[in-house]
Amino acid sequence: MTIHAQALLFDNDGTLVSSLESVERCWTRWAREYGITAEEFGRVELHGRTAAEIVADLLPARLVPEAVARVEQLEVEDVPRGGVRLLPGTRDFLDSLPADRWAVVTSATRRLAEARLNAVGILPKTFVAADDVTRGKPDPEPYLLAARQLGVDPARCVVFEDAPAGLRAGRAAGMTTVALATTHRVAELRADLVVGDLSALSALVTDEGVEISVRG
């Protein structure tokens, strides 16, 4: 299967990098500080959503701003402690792309996402974070904003995601979706193409755009 695109839009955590151990450490500590039980925490969908949305599901509205700032602080401070690592295939795949043909579109805040990306040496020219939108994934707004910034028709964009919420956002934006089975079971991932991670793919840059193929 070959996918033709003019722009490639990547989720960050679970797609380009993994910070699952850091997320678990920080959110567990945060929940303990705010008196949230494991049962309460377990009922909330975490992956692919903004911290503000997660916190709003768990705490009264008056506490949300302070609580969001606290979990962001914990996660940023955890990055230098080995809180992030590149997933297989990320470096080679991104290195094969022109800088103006791809973007990172993340549910994390800009401060946290930049800390994680800088730690592994990923420097996107185009970058959409939670701070840049009013509605996060699964709403299509983040991906539509990235397409506008790149000057590409959404129908000519390909979204790379590991989370169902992000894949829903990509579909709602009218984009082709590629799911990476790094954090969810294949059965949970609805996409035009599902692969294990970016090491399963190759990209060929042409005059018309980028051709994405599954490695044989």
N, C-alpha and C. Protein backbone atom coordinates (compact mmCIF):
# COMPACT_ATOMS: atom_id res chain seq x y z
N MET A 1 0.84 -1.20 0.00
CA MET A 1 0.00 0.00 0.00
C MET A 1 0.88 1.25 0.00
N THR A 2 0.55 2.19 -0.88
CA THR A 2 1.28 3.46 -0.93
C THR A 2 0.29 4.60 -0.72
N ILE A 3 0.63 5.52 0.18
CA ILE A 3 -0.20 6.68 0.47
C ILE A 3 0.50 7.91 -0.09
N HIS A 4 -0.23 8.72 -0.84
CA HIS A 4 0.32 9.94 -1.42
C HIS A 4 -0.14 11.14 -0.60
N ALA A 5 0.77 12.01 -0.25
CA ALA A 5 0.43 13.16 0.60
C ALA A 5 1.28 14.36 0.24
N GLN A 6 0.79 15.52 0.66
CA GLN A 6 1.59 16.74 0.56
C GLN A 6 2.11 17.19 1.91
N ALA A 7 1.49 16.69 2.99
CA ALA A 7 1.95 17.04 4.33
C ALA A 7 1.69 15.89 5.27
N LEU A 8 2.58 15.71 6.23
CA LEU A 8 2.48 14.65 7.22
C LEU A 8 2.38 15.27 8.61
N LEU A 9 1.35 14.88 9.35
CA LEU A 9 1.08 15.47 10.66
C LEU A 9 1.20 14.38 11.73
N PHE A 10 2.10 14.61 12.68
CA PHE A 10 2.42 13.59 13.67
C PHE A 10 1.96 13.99 15.06
N ASP A 11 1.20 13.12 15.72
CA ASP A 11 1.07 13.21 17.16
C ASP A 11 2.47 13.01 17.75
N ASN A 12 2.65 13.40 19.00
CA ASN A 12 3.98 13.25 19.59
C ASN A 12 4.10 12.01 20.48
N ASP A 13 3.52 12.08 21.67
CA ASP A 13 3.71 10.99 22.63
C ASP A 13 2.96 9.74 22.18
N GLY A 14 3.69 8.65 22.07
CA GLY A 14 3.12 7.40 21.59
C GLY A 14 3.26 7.24 20.09
N THR A 15 3.65 8.30 19.40
CA THR A 15 3.84 8.26 17.95
C THR A 15 5.31 8.48 17.59
N LEU A 16 5.86 9.60 18.02
CA LEU A 16 7.28 9.89 17.80
C LEU A 16 8.13 9.48 18.99
N VAL A 17 7.63 9.74 20.18
CA VAL A 17 8.37 9.45 21.41
C VAL A 17 7.48 8.68 22.38
N SER A 18 8.11 8.11 23.39
CA SER A 18 7.36 7.49 24.48
C SER A 18 7.75 8.15 25.79
N SER A 19 6.75 8.55 26.53
CA SER A 19 6.99 9.07 27.88
C SER A 19 6.01 8.42 28.86
N LEU A 20 5.60 7.19 28.53
CA LEU A 20 4.58 6.51 29.33
C LEU A 20 5.00 6.34 30.78
N GLU A 21 6.26 5.97 31.01
CA GLU A 21 6.71 5.79 32.39
C GLU A 21 6.68 7.11 33.14
N SER A 22 7.09 8.18 32.48
CA SER A 22 7.05 9.50 33.09
C SER A 22 5.62 9.93 33.39
N VAL A 23 4.73 9.72 32.42
CA VAL A 23 3.33 10.09 32.60
C VAL A 23 2.74 9.36 33.80
N GLU A 24 3.04 8.07 33.89
CA GLU A 24 2.50 7.29 35.00
C GLU A 24 3.03 7.78 36.34
N ARG A 25 4.34 8.06 36.39
CA ARG A 25 4.93 8.57 37.64
C ARG A 25 4.29 9.89 38.06
N CYS A 26 4.21 10.81 37.09
CA CYS A 26 3.76 12.16 37.41
C CYS A 26 2.28 12.23 37.73
N TRP A 27 1.47 11.55 36.95
CA TRP A 27 0.03 11.60 37.20
C TRP A 27 -0.34 10.84 38.47
N THR A 28 0.40 9.78 38.79
CA THR A 28 0.16 9.05 40.05
C THR A 28 0.45 9.96 41.24
N ARG A 29 1.57 10.66 41.17
CA ARG A 29 1.91 11.60 42.25
C ARG A 29 0.88 12.73 42.32
N TRP A 30 0.49 13.25 41.17
CA TRP A 30 -0.50 14.33 41.12
C TRP A 30 -1.83 13.89 41.74
N ALA A 31 -2.29 12.70 41.37
CA ALA A 31 -3.56 12.19 41.89
C ALA A 31 -3.49 12.03 43.41
N ARG A 32 -2.36 11.57 43.90
CA ARG A 32 -2.18 11.42 45.35
C ARG A 32 -2.25 12.78 46.04
N GLU A 33 -1.61 13.78 45.45
CA GLU A 33 -1.62 15.12 46.04
C GLU A 33 -3.04 15.71 46.11
N TYR A 34 -3.88 15.36 45.13
CA TYR A 34 -5.23 15.92 45.08
C TYR A 34 -6.29 14.97 45.65
N GLY A 35 -5.84 13.89 46.27
CA GLY A 35 -6.77 12.99 46.94
C GLY A 35 -7.68 12.21 46.01
N ILE A 36 -7.20 11.93 44.81
CA ILE A 36 -8.00 11.18 43.84
C ILE A 36 -7.65 9.70 43.96
N THR A 37 -8.66 8.86 44.12
CA THR A 37 -8.43 7.43 44.29
C THR A 37 -8.06 6.77 42.97
N ALA A 38 -7.44 5.60 43.06
CA ALA A 38 -7.08 4.85 41.86
C ALA A 38 -8.32 4.49 41.06
N GLU A 39 -9.43 4.20 41.75
CA GLU A 39 -10.67 3.86 41.06
C GLU A 39 -11.20 5.06 40.27
N GLU A 40 -11.18 6.23 40.88
CA GLU A 40 -11.64 7.45 40.19
C GLU A 40 -10.75 7.74 38.99
N PHE A 41 -9.46 7.60 39.19
CA PHE A 41 -8.51 7.90 38.13
C PHE A 41 -8.66 6.92 36.97
N GLY A 42 -8.93 5.66 37.30
CA GLY A 42 -9.05 4.63 36.28
C GLY A 42 -10.25 4.78 35.38
N ARG A 43 -11.24 5.55 35.80
CA ARG A 43 -12.45 5.74 34.98
C ARG A 43 -12.28 6.81 33.91
N VAL A 44 -11.18 7.55 33.95
CA VAL A 44 -10.98 8.67 33.04
C VAL A 44 -10.07 8.26 31.88
N GLU A 45 -10.49 8.60 30.66
CA GLU A 45 -9.64 8.37 29.49
C GLU A 45 -8.49 9.38 29.49
N LEU A 46 -7.26 8.88 29.44
CA LEU A 46 -6.09 9.74 29.54
C LEU A 46 -5.44 10.02 28.19
N HIS A 47 -5.19 8.97 27.42
CA HIS A 47 -4.28 9.10 26.29
C HIS A 47 -4.92 9.88 25.15
N GLY A 48 -4.14 10.82 24.61
CA GLY A 48 -4.59 11.59 23.46
C GLY A 48 -5.46 12.79 23.81
N ARG A 49 -5.61 13.07 25.10
CA ARG A 49 -6.42 14.20 25.55
C ARG A 49 -5.55 15.22 26.26
N THR A 50 -6.03 16.48 26.32
CA THR A 50 -5.26 17.51 27.01
C THR A 50 -5.36 17.32 28.51
N ALA A 51 -4.34 17.80 29.21
CA ALA A 51 -4.35 17.72 30.68
C ALA A 51 -5.55 18.47 31.25
N ALA A 52 -5.90 19.60 30.63
CA ALA A 52 -7.02 20.39 31.14
C ALA A 52 -8.32 19.59 31.09
N GLU A 53 -8.53 18.82 30.02
CA GLU A 53 -9.74 18.01 29.90
C GLU A 53 -9.75 16.89 30.93
N ILE A 54 -8.60 16.26 31.13
CA ILE A 54 -8.50 15.17 32.11
C ILE A 54 -8.77 15.69 33.51
N VAL A 55 -8.12 16.79 33.86
CA VAL A 55 -8.29 17.36 35.19
C VAL A 55 -9.73 17.79 35.42
N ALA A 56 -10.35 18.36 34.40
CA ALA A 56 -11.75 18.81 34.53
C ALA A 56 -12.70 17.65 34.80
N ASP A 57 -12.32 16.44 34.37
CA ASP A 57 -13.15 15.26 34.65
C ASP A 57 -13.02 14.79 36.09
N LEU A 58 -11.99 15.27 36.79
CA LEU A 58 -11.67 14.73 38.11
C LEU A 58 -11.86 15.71 39.25
N LEU A 59 -11.81 17.01 38.96
CA LEU A 59 -11.82 18.01 40.02
C LEU A 59 -12.86 19.10 39.75
N PRO A 60 -13.29 19.81 40.80
CA PRO A 60 -14.19 20.95 40.61
C PRO A 60 -13.52 22.03 39.75
N ALA A 61 -14.33 22.78 39.02
CA ALA A 61 -13.81 23.78 38.08
C ALA A 61 -12.89 24.78 38.75
N ARG A 62 -13.16 25.15 40.00
CA ARG A 62 -12.34 26.16 40.69
C ARG A 62 -10.90 25.69 40.90
N LEU A 63 -10.68 24.37 40.91
CA LEU A 63 -9.33 23.84 41.15
C LEU A 63 -8.57 23.53 39.87
N VAL A 64 -9.26 23.56 38.73
CA VAL A 64 -8.65 23.08 37.49
C VAL A 64 -7.39 23.86 37.08
N PRO A 65 -7.41 25.20 37.02
CA PRO A 65 -6.19 25.90 36.57
C PRO A 65 -4.95 25.57 37.40
N GLU A 66 -5.11 25.59 38.72
CA GLU A 66 -3.97 25.28 39.59
C GLU A 66 -3.51 23.83 39.41
N ALA A 67 -4.46 22.91 39.28
CA ALA A 67 -4.13 21.49 39.15
C ALA A 67 -3.47 21.18 37.82
N VAL A 68 -3.90 21.84 36.75
CA VAL A 68 -3.26 21.66 35.44
C VAL A 68 -1.83 22.16 35.48
N ALA A 69 -1.62 23.31 36.10
CA ALA A 69 -0.26 23.86 36.21
C ALA A 69 0.64 22.92 37.01
N ARG A 70 0.07 22.28 38.03
CA ARG A 70 0.86 21.39 38.87
C ARG A 70 1.31 20.14 38.11
N VAL A 71 0.40 19.52 37.36
CA VAL A 71 0.80 18.31 36.63
C VAL A 71 1.78 18.65 35.51
N GLU A 72 1.62 19.82 34.89
CA GLU A 72 2.58 20.24 33.87
C GLU A 72 3.97 20.41 34.49
N GLN A 73 4.03 21.03 35.66
CA GLN A 73 5.30 21.21 36.35
C GLN A 73 5.97 19.87 36.64
N LEU A 74 5.17 18.91 37.14
CA LEU A 74 5.72 17.58 37.46
C LEU A 74 6.28 16.91 36.20
N GLU A 75 5.55 17.01 35.08
CA GLU A 75 5.99 16.33 33.86
C GLU A 75 7.21 17.00 33.24
N VAL A 76 7.26 18.32 33.25
CA VAL A 76 8.42 19.03 32.71
C VAL A 76 9.67 18.69 33.53
N GLU A 77 9.52 18.67 34.86
CA GLU A 77 10.66 18.37 35.73
C GLU A 77 11.13 16.94 35.56
N ASP A 78 10.26 16.06 35.10
CA ASP A 78 10.62 14.65 34.95
C ASP A 78 11.38 14.36 33.67
N VAL A 79 11.32 15.27 32.69
CA VAL A 79 11.97 15.03 31.40
C VAL A 79 13.47 14.77 31.54
N PRO A 80 14.23 15.59 32.29
CA PRO A 80 15.68 15.33 32.39
C PRO A 80 16.02 14.04 33.13
N ARG A 81 15.06 13.46 33.79
CA ARG A 81 15.29 12.21 34.54
C ARG A 81 15.07 10.98 33.67
N GLY A 82 15.11 11.16 32.37
CA GLY A 82 14.89 10.04 31.46
C GLY A 82 13.41 9.82 31.17
N GLY A 83 12.64 10.91 31.21
CA GLY A 83 11.21 10.79 31.05
C GLY A 83 10.72 10.68 29.62
N VAL A 84 11.64 10.61 28.64
CA VAL A 84 11.21 10.52 27.24
C VAL A 84 12.27 9.78 26.43
N ARG A 85 11.79 9.00 25.45
CA ARG A 85 12.72 8.30 24.54
C ARG A 85 12.10 8.23 23.16
N LEU A 86 12.94 8.18 22.15
CA LEU A 86 12.46 8.05 20.77
C LEU A 86 11.88 6.66 20.55
N LEU A 87 10.79 6.58 19.82
CA LEU A 87 10.23 5.30 19.42
C LEU A 87 10.94 4.80 18.16
N PRO A 88 10.91 3.50 17.90
CA PRO A 88 11.61 2.94 16.74
C PRO A 88 11.17 3.61 15.43
N GLY A 89 12.15 3.93 14.61
CA GLY A 89 11.88 4.47 13.29
C GLY A 89 11.69 5.97 13.22
N THR A 90 11.53 6.63 14.36
CA THR A 90 11.22 8.06 14.35
C THR A 90 12.31 8.88 13.68
N ARG A 91 13.54 8.69 14.11
CA ARG A 91 14.63 9.52 13.59
C ARG A 91 14.79 9.36 12.08
N ASP A 92 14.87 8.14 11.61
CA ASP A 92 15.07 7.92 10.17
C ASP A 92 13.91 8.45 9.35
N PHE A 93 12.69 8.25 9.84
CA PHE A 93 11.52 8.68 9.07
C PHE A 93 11.48 10.20 8.97
N LEU A 94 11.66 10.90 10.08
CA LEU A 94 11.63 12.37 10.04
C LEU A 94 12.78 12.93 9.24
N ASP A 95 13.94 12.31 9.34
CA ASP A 95 15.11 12.80 8.59
C ASP A 95 14.91 12.69 7.07
N SER A 96 13.99 11.83 6.65
CA SER A 96 13.76 11.66 5.22
C SER A 96 12.78 12.68 4.65
N LEU A 97 12.24 13.55 5.52
CA LEU A 97 11.20 14.50 5.10
C LEU A 97 11.73 15.92 5.04
N PRO A 98 11.28 16.72 4.07
CA PRO A 98 11.60 18.15 4.07
C PRO A 98 10.94 18.82 5.27
N ALA A 99 11.61 19.80 5.87
CA ALA A 99 11.12 20.43 7.09
C ALA A 99 9.78 21.11 6.92
N ASP A 100 9.47 21.54 5.69
CA ASP A 100 8.21 22.26 5.47
C ASP A 100 7.08 21.35 5.03
N ARG A 101 7.28 20.03 5.14
CA ARG A 101 6.25 19.07 4.75
C ARG A 101 5.66 18.31 5.93
N TRP A 102 6.11 18.61 7.15
CA TRP A 102 5.57 17.88 8.30
C TRP A 102 5.43 18.78 9.51
N ALA A 103 4.58 18.34 10.44
CA ALA A 103 4.33 19.09 11.66
C ALA A 103 4.07 18.13 12.81
N VAL A 104 4.30 18.61 14.02
CA VAL A 104 3.91 17.89 15.24
C VAL A 104 2.63 18.52 15.75
N VAL A 105 1.65 17.68 16.06
CA VAL A 105 0.35 18.14 16.56
C VAL A 105 0.06 17.37 17.84
N THR A 106 0.21 18.04 18.97
CA THR A 106 0.17 17.34 20.26
C THR A 106 -0.92 17.88 21.18
N SER A 107 -1.40 17.01 22.08
CA SER A 107 -2.36 17.42 23.10
C SER A 107 -1.67 17.98 24.33
N ALA A 108 -0.35 17.91 24.37
CA ALA A 108 0.40 18.47 25.49
C ALA A 108 0.51 19.99 25.35
N THR A 109 0.81 20.66 26.44
CA THR A 109 1.07 22.09 26.37
C THR A 109 2.37 22.33 25.61
N ARG A 110 2.54 23.53 25.10
CA ARG A 110 3.75 23.86 24.34
C ARG A 110 4.99 23.69 25.22
N ARG A 111 4.91 24.15 26.45
CA ARG A 111 6.07 24.03 27.35
C ARG A 111 6.49 22.58 27.54
N LEU A 112 5.53 21.70 27.79
CA LEU A 112 5.85 20.29 28.02
C LEU A 112 6.31 19.62 26.73
N ALA A 113 5.60 19.86 25.64
CA ALA A 113 5.96 19.23 24.38
C ALA A 113 7.36 19.65 23.93
N GLU A 114 7.68 20.92 24.07
CA GLU A 114 9.01 21.40 23.68
C GLU A 114 10.09 20.75 24.53
N ALA A 115 9.82 20.58 25.82
CA ALA A 115 10.80 19.94 26.70
C ALA A 115 11.07 18.51 26.24
N ARG A 116 10.00 17.79 25.91
CA ARG A 116 10.16 16.40 25.48
C ARG A 116 10.85 16.31 24.12
N LEU A 117 10.45 17.15 23.18
CA LEU A 117 11.05 17.11 21.84
C LEU A 117 12.51 17.53 21.88
N ASN A 118 12.81 18.58 22.64
CA ASN A 118 14.20 19.03 22.74
C ASN A 118 15.09 17.95 23.35
N ALA A 119 14.54 17.18 24.28
CA ALA A 119 15.32 16.14 24.96
C ALA A 119 15.80 15.06 24.00
N VAL A 120 15.05 14.84 22.91
CA VAL A 120 15.43 13.80 21.95
C VAL A 120 15.88 14.39 20.62
N GLY A 121 16.02 15.71 20.55
CA GLY A 121 16.57 16.35 19.36
C GLY A 121 15.63 16.44 18.18
N ILE A 122 14.34 16.53 18.44
CA ILE A 122 13.37 16.74 17.36
C ILE A 122 12.97 18.22 17.37
N LEU A 123 13.18 18.89 16.23
CA LEU A 123 12.92 20.33 16.15
C LEU A 123 11.99 20.62 14.98
N PRO A 124 10.68 20.45 15.17
CA PRO A 124 9.76 20.69 14.06
C PRO A 124 9.67 22.15 13.68
N LYS A 125 9.58 22.42 12.41
CA LYS A 125 9.39 23.79 11.93
C LYS A 125 7.97 24.26 12.22
N THR A 126 7.01 23.33 12.14
CA THR A 126 5.60 23.62 12.41
C THR A 126 5.14 22.75 13.57
N PHE A 127 4.44 23.38 14.52
CA PHE A 127 4.19 22.72 15.79
C PHE A 127 2.90 23.28 16.38
N VAL A 128 1.90 22.41 16.59
CA VAL A 128 0.63 22.81 17.19
C VAL A 128 0.50 22.11 18.53
N ALA A 129 0.28 22.90 19.59
CA ALA A 129 0.14 22.36 20.94
C ALA A 129 -1.23 22.71 21.51
N ALA A 130 -1.50 22.21 22.70
CA ALA A 130 -2.81 22.44 23.33
C ALA A 130 -3.09 23.92 23.50
N ASP A 131 -2.05 24.71 23.73
CA ASP A 131 -2.23 26.15 23.94
C ASP A 131 -2.75 26.88 22.70
N ASP A 132 -2.61 26.26 21.54
CA ASP A 132 -2.90 26.93 20.28
C ASP A 132 -4.35 26.75 19.81
N VAL A 133 -5.12 25.92 20.50
CA VAL A 133 -6.48 25.61 20.06
C VAL A 133 -7.47 25.79 21.21
N THR A 134 -8.72 25.92 20.85
CA THR A 134 -9.77 26.00 21.87
C THR A 134 -10.40 24.64 22.14
N ARG A 135 -10.30 23.73 21.17
CA ARG A 135 -10.84 22.38 21.32
C ARG A 135 -9.76 21.37 20.92
N GLY A 136 -9.43 20.49 21.85
CA GLY A 136 -8.41 19.49 21.57
C GLY A 136 -8.99 18.24 20.92
N LYS A 137 -8.11 17.31 20.57
CA LYS A 137 -8.53 16.03 20.03
C LYS A 137 -9.52 15.36 21.00
N PRO A 138 -10.58 14.72 20.53
CA PRO A 138 -10.87 14.26 19.17
C PRO A 138 -11.47 15.30 18.22
N ASP A 139 -11.58 16.55 18.65
CA ASP A 139 -12.01 17.59 17.74
C ASP A 139 -10.94 17.76 16.64
N PRO A 140 -11.35 18.07 15.41
CA PRO A 140 -10.36 18.20 14.32
C PRO A 140 -9.56 19.49 14.35
N GLU A 141 -9.90 20.43 15.24
CA GLU A 141 -9.25 21.74 15.21
C GLU A 141 -7.73 21.69 15.18
N PRO A 142 -7.06 20.88 16.02
CA PRO A 142 -5.58 20.89 15.99
C PRO A 142 -5.01 20.50 14.64
N TYR A 143 -5.58 19.48 14.01
CA TYR A 143 -5.05 19.04 12.72
C TYR A 143 -5.39 20.01 11.60
N LEU A 144 -6.56 20.62 11.66
CA LEU A 144 -6.91 21.62 10.64
C LEU A 144 -6.00 22.84 10.76
N LEU A 145 -5.65 23.22 11.98
CA LEU A 145 -4.74 24.35 12.17
C LEU A 145 -3.37 24.03 11.58
N ALA A 146 -2.87 22.84 11.82
CA ALA A 146 -1.57 22.46 11.26
C ALA A 146 -1.59 22.48 9.74
N ALA A 147 -2.67 22.01 9.14
CA ALA A 147 -2.78 22.04 7.68
C ALA A 147 -2.75 23.47 7.16
N ARG A 148 -3.45 24.37 7.84
CA ARG A 148 -3.43 25.78 7.43
C ARG A 148 -2.03 26.36 7.54
N GLN A 149 -1.35 26.05 8.62
CA GLN A 149 0.00 26.59 8.81
C GLN A 149 0.96 26.09 7.74
N LEU A 150 0.75 24.87 7.27
CA LEU A 150 1.60 24.32 6.22
C LEU A 150 1.12 24.72 4.83
N GLY A 151 -0.08 25.31 4.75
CA GLY A 151 -0.63 25.71 3.46
C GLY A 151 -1.04 24.56 2.59
N VAL A 152 -1.57 23.49 3.21
CA VAL A 152 -1.93 22.27 2.48
C VAL A 152 -3.40 21.95 2.71
N ASP A 153 -4.08 21.53 1.65
CA ASP A 153 -5.46 21.08 1.74
C ASP A 153 -5.53 19.90 2.72
N PRO A 154 -6.46 19.92 3.70
CA PRO A 154 -6.56 18.81 4.65
C PRO A 154 -6.68 17.45 3.97
N ALA A 155 -7.33 17.40 2.82
CA ALA A 155 -7.50 16.13 2.12
C ALA A 155 -6.17 15.57 1.62
N ARG A 156 -5.14 16.39 1.57
CA ARG A 156 -3.81 15.94 1.12
C ARG A 156 -2.86 15.73 2.28
N CYS A 157 -3.40 15.68 3.50
CA CYS A 157 -2.59 15.46 4.69
C CYS A 157 -2.77 14.03 5.22
N VAL A 158 -1.71 13.52 5.83
CA VAL A 158 -1.77 12.22 6.49
C VAL A 158 -1.47 12.41 7.97
N VAL A 159 -2.33 11.86 8.80
CA VAL A 159 -2.18 11.94 10.25
C VAL A 159 -1.59 10.64 10.77
N PHE A 160 -0.58 10.74 11.64
CA PHE A 160 0.04 9.58 12.29
C PHE A 160 -0.29 9.64 13.77
N GLU A 161 -0.96 8.62 14.27
CA GLU A 161 -1.49 8.65 15.63
C GLU A 161 -1.42 7.27 16.27
N ASP A 162 -1.31 7.26 17.60
CA ASP A 162 -1.39 6.01 18.35
C ASP A 162 -2.68 5.89 19.15
N ALA A 163 -3.43 6.98 19.31
CA ALA A 163 -4.59 7.00 20.20
C ALA A 163 -5.89 7.12 19.42
N PRO A 164 -6.92 6.40 19.85
CA PRO A 164 -8.23 6.51 19.19
C PRO A 164 -8.74 7.94 19.10
N ALA A 165 -8.53 8.76 20.15
CA ALA A 165 -9.00 10.14 20.12
C ALA A 165 -8.33 10.93 19.01
N GLY A 166 -7.03 10.71 18.81
CA GLY A 166 -6.32 11.41 17.75
C GLY A 166 -6.73 10.94 16.37
N LEU A 167 -6.99 9.65 16.23
CA LEU A 167 -7.45 9.12 14.95
C LEU A 167 -8.83 9.68 14.60
N ARG A 168 -9.69 9.82 15.61
CA ARG A 168 -11.00 10.43 15.36
C ARG A 168 -10.83 11.87 14.89
N ALA A 169 -9.88 12.58 15.48
CA ALA A 169 -9.62 13.96 15.05
C ALA A 169 -9.16 14.02 13.61
N GLY A 170 -8.27 13.11 13.24
CA GLY A 170 -7.78 13.08 11.86
C GLY A 170 -8.89 12.78 10.86
N ARG A 171 -9.73 11.80 11.19
CA ARG A 171 -10.84 11.47 10.29
C ARG A 171 -11.80 12.65 10.18
N ALA A 172 -12.10 13.30 11.31
CA ALA A 172 -13.03 14.44 11.30
C ALA A 172 -12.48 15.59 10.48
N ALA A 173 -11.15 15.68 10.38
CA ALA A 173 -10.51 16.73 9.58
C ALA A 173 -10.48 16.38 8.09
N GLY A 174 -10.94 15.18 7.73
CA GLY A 174 -10.94 14.76 6.34
C GLY A 174 -9.59 14.29 5.85
N MET A 175 -8.74 13.82 6.77
CA MET A 175 -7.38 13.42 6.43
C MET A 175 -7.23 11.91 6.41
N THR A 176 -6.24 11.42 5.68
CA THR A 176 -5.88 10.01 5.73
C THR A 176 -5.23 9.73 7.08
N THR A 177 -5.53 8.56 7.65
CA THR A 177 -5.00 8.25 8.99
C THR A 177 -4.14 7.00 8.97
N VAL A 178 -3.00 7.08 9.67
CA VAL A 178 -2.12 5.94 9.88
C VAL A 178 -2.01 5.72 11.39
N ALA A 179 -2.38 4.54 11.84
CA ALA A 179 -2.33 4.23 13.27
C ALA A 179 -1.07 3.44 13.59
N LEU A 180 -0.46 3.79 14.71
CA LEU A 180 0.72 3.07 15.20
C LEU A 180 0.32 2.32 16.47
N ALA A 181 0.51 1.01 16.47
CA ALA A 181 0.07 0.18 17.59
C ALA A 181 1.12 0.15 18.69
N THR A 182 1.44 1.33 19.21
CA THR A 182 2.47 1.44 20.26
C THR A 182 1.87 1.50 21.66
N THR A 183 0.63 1.96 21.78
CA THR A 183 0.01 2.10 23.10
C THR A 183 -1.37 1.43 23.19
N HIS A 184 -1.95 1.05 22.05
CA HIS A 184 -3.27 0.43 22.03
C HIS A 184 -3.24 -0.83 21.18
N ARG A 185 -4.19 -1.72 21.45
CA ARG A 185 -4.31 -2.92 20.65
C ARG A 185 -4.82 -2.57 19.25
N VAL A 186 -4.41 -3.36 18.27
CA VAL A 186 -4.79 -3.11 16.89
C VAL A 186 -6.31 -3.03 16.75
N ALA A 187 -7.02 -3.86 17.50
CA ALA A 187 -8.48 -3.88 17.42
C ALA A 187 -9.11 -2.56 17.85
N GLU A 188 -8.38 -1.76 18.62
CA GLU A 188 -8.90 -0.48 19.08
C GLU A 188 -8.63 0.66 18.11
N LEU A 189 -7.86 0.39 17.06
CA LEU A 189 -7.39 1.45 16.17
C LEU A 189 -8.11 1.41 14.84
N ARG A 190 -8.87 2.44 14.56
CA ARG A 190 -9.59 2.57 13.29
C ARG A 190 -8.84 3.58 12.42
N ALA A 191 -8.25 3.09 11.34
CA ALA A 191 -7.44 3.96 10.49
C ALA A 191 -7.36 3.38 9.09
N ASP A 192 -6.86 4.19 8.15
CA ASP A 192 -6.67 3.71 6.78
C ASP A 192 -5.55 2.68 6.70
N LEU A 193 -4.59 2.81 7.62
CA LEU A 193 -3.47 1.87 7.68
C LEU A 193 -3.05 1.74 9.13
N VAL A 194 -2.77 0.52 9.55
CA VAL A 194 -2.28 0.26 10.91
C VAL A 194 -0.95 -0.47 10.82
N VAL A 195 0.09 0.07 11.50
CA VAL A 195 1.41 -0.57 11.55
C VAL A 195 1.90 -0.56 12.99
N GLY A 196 2.99 -1.26 13.23
CA GLY A 196 3.53 -1.34 14.59
C GLY A 196 4.10 -0.02 15.07
N ASP A 197 4.94 0.60 14.24
CA ASP A 197 5.54 1.90 14.55
C ASP A 197 6.14 2.45 13.26
N LEU A 198 6.81 3.58 13.35
CA LEU A 198 7.31 4.23 12.13
C LEU A 198 8.41 3.43 11.43
N SER A 199 9.03 2.49 12.11
CA SER A 199 10.07 1.68 11.46
C SER A 199 9.48 0.80 10.37
N ALA A 200 8.15 0.62 10.37
CA ALA A 200 7.49 -0.20 9.35
C ALA A 200 7.26 0.57 8.06
N LEU A 201 7.56 1.88 8.05
CA LEU A 201 7.23 2.73 6.92
C LEU A 201 8.48 3.37 6.30
N SER A 202 8.36 3.70 5.02
CA SER A 202 9.40 4.50 4.34
C SER A 202 8.72 5.65 3.63
N ALA A 203 9.45 6.73 3.43
CA ALA A 203 8.91 7.91 2.75
C ALA A 203 9.81 8.28 1.58
N LEU A 204 9.18 8.52 0.44
CA LEU A 204 9.89 8.94 -0.75
C LEU A 204 9.37 10.31 -1.17
N VAL A 205 10.27 11.29 -1.20
CA VAL A 205 9.89 12.66 -1.57
C VAL A 205 9.95 12.79 -3.09
N THR A 206 8.85 13.27 -3.69
CA THR A 206 8.77 13.46 -5.14
C THR A 206 8.37 14.91 -5.43
N ASP A 207 8.30 15.26 -6.70
CA ASP A 207 7.87 16.61 -7.09
C ASP A 207 6.42 16.87 -6.67
N GLU A 208 5.62 15.80 -6.56
CA GLU A 208 4.20 15.94 -6.22
C GLU A 208 3.95 15.93 -4.70
N GLY A 209 4.92 15.49 -3.94
CA GLY A 209 4.72 15.41 -2.50
C GLY A 209 5.54 14.31 -1.87
N VAL A 210 4.88 13.49 -1.03
CA VAL A 210 5.57 12.40 -0.34
C VAL A 210 4.77 11.12 -0.54
N GLU A 211 5.49 10.04 -0.90
CA GLU A 211 4.88 8.72 -1.02
C GLU A 211 5.27 7.90 0.20
N ILE A 212 4.28 7.42 0.93
CA ILE A 212 4.51 6.65 2.14
C ILE A 212 4.17 5.19 1.85
N SER A 213 5.14 4.31 2.11
CA SER A 213 4.94 2.89 1.80
C SER A 213 5.29 2.03 3.00
N VAL A 214 4.69 0.86 3.05
CA VAL A 214 5.02 -0.13 4.07
C VAL A 214 6.26 -0.88 3.59
N ARG A 215 7.24 -1.00 4.44
CA ARG A 215 8.46 -1.71 4.07
C ARG A 215 8.14 -3.19 3.81
N GLY A 216 8.78 -3.72 2.79
CA GLY A 216 8.56 -5.11 2.46
C GLY A 216 9.29 -6.05 3.39
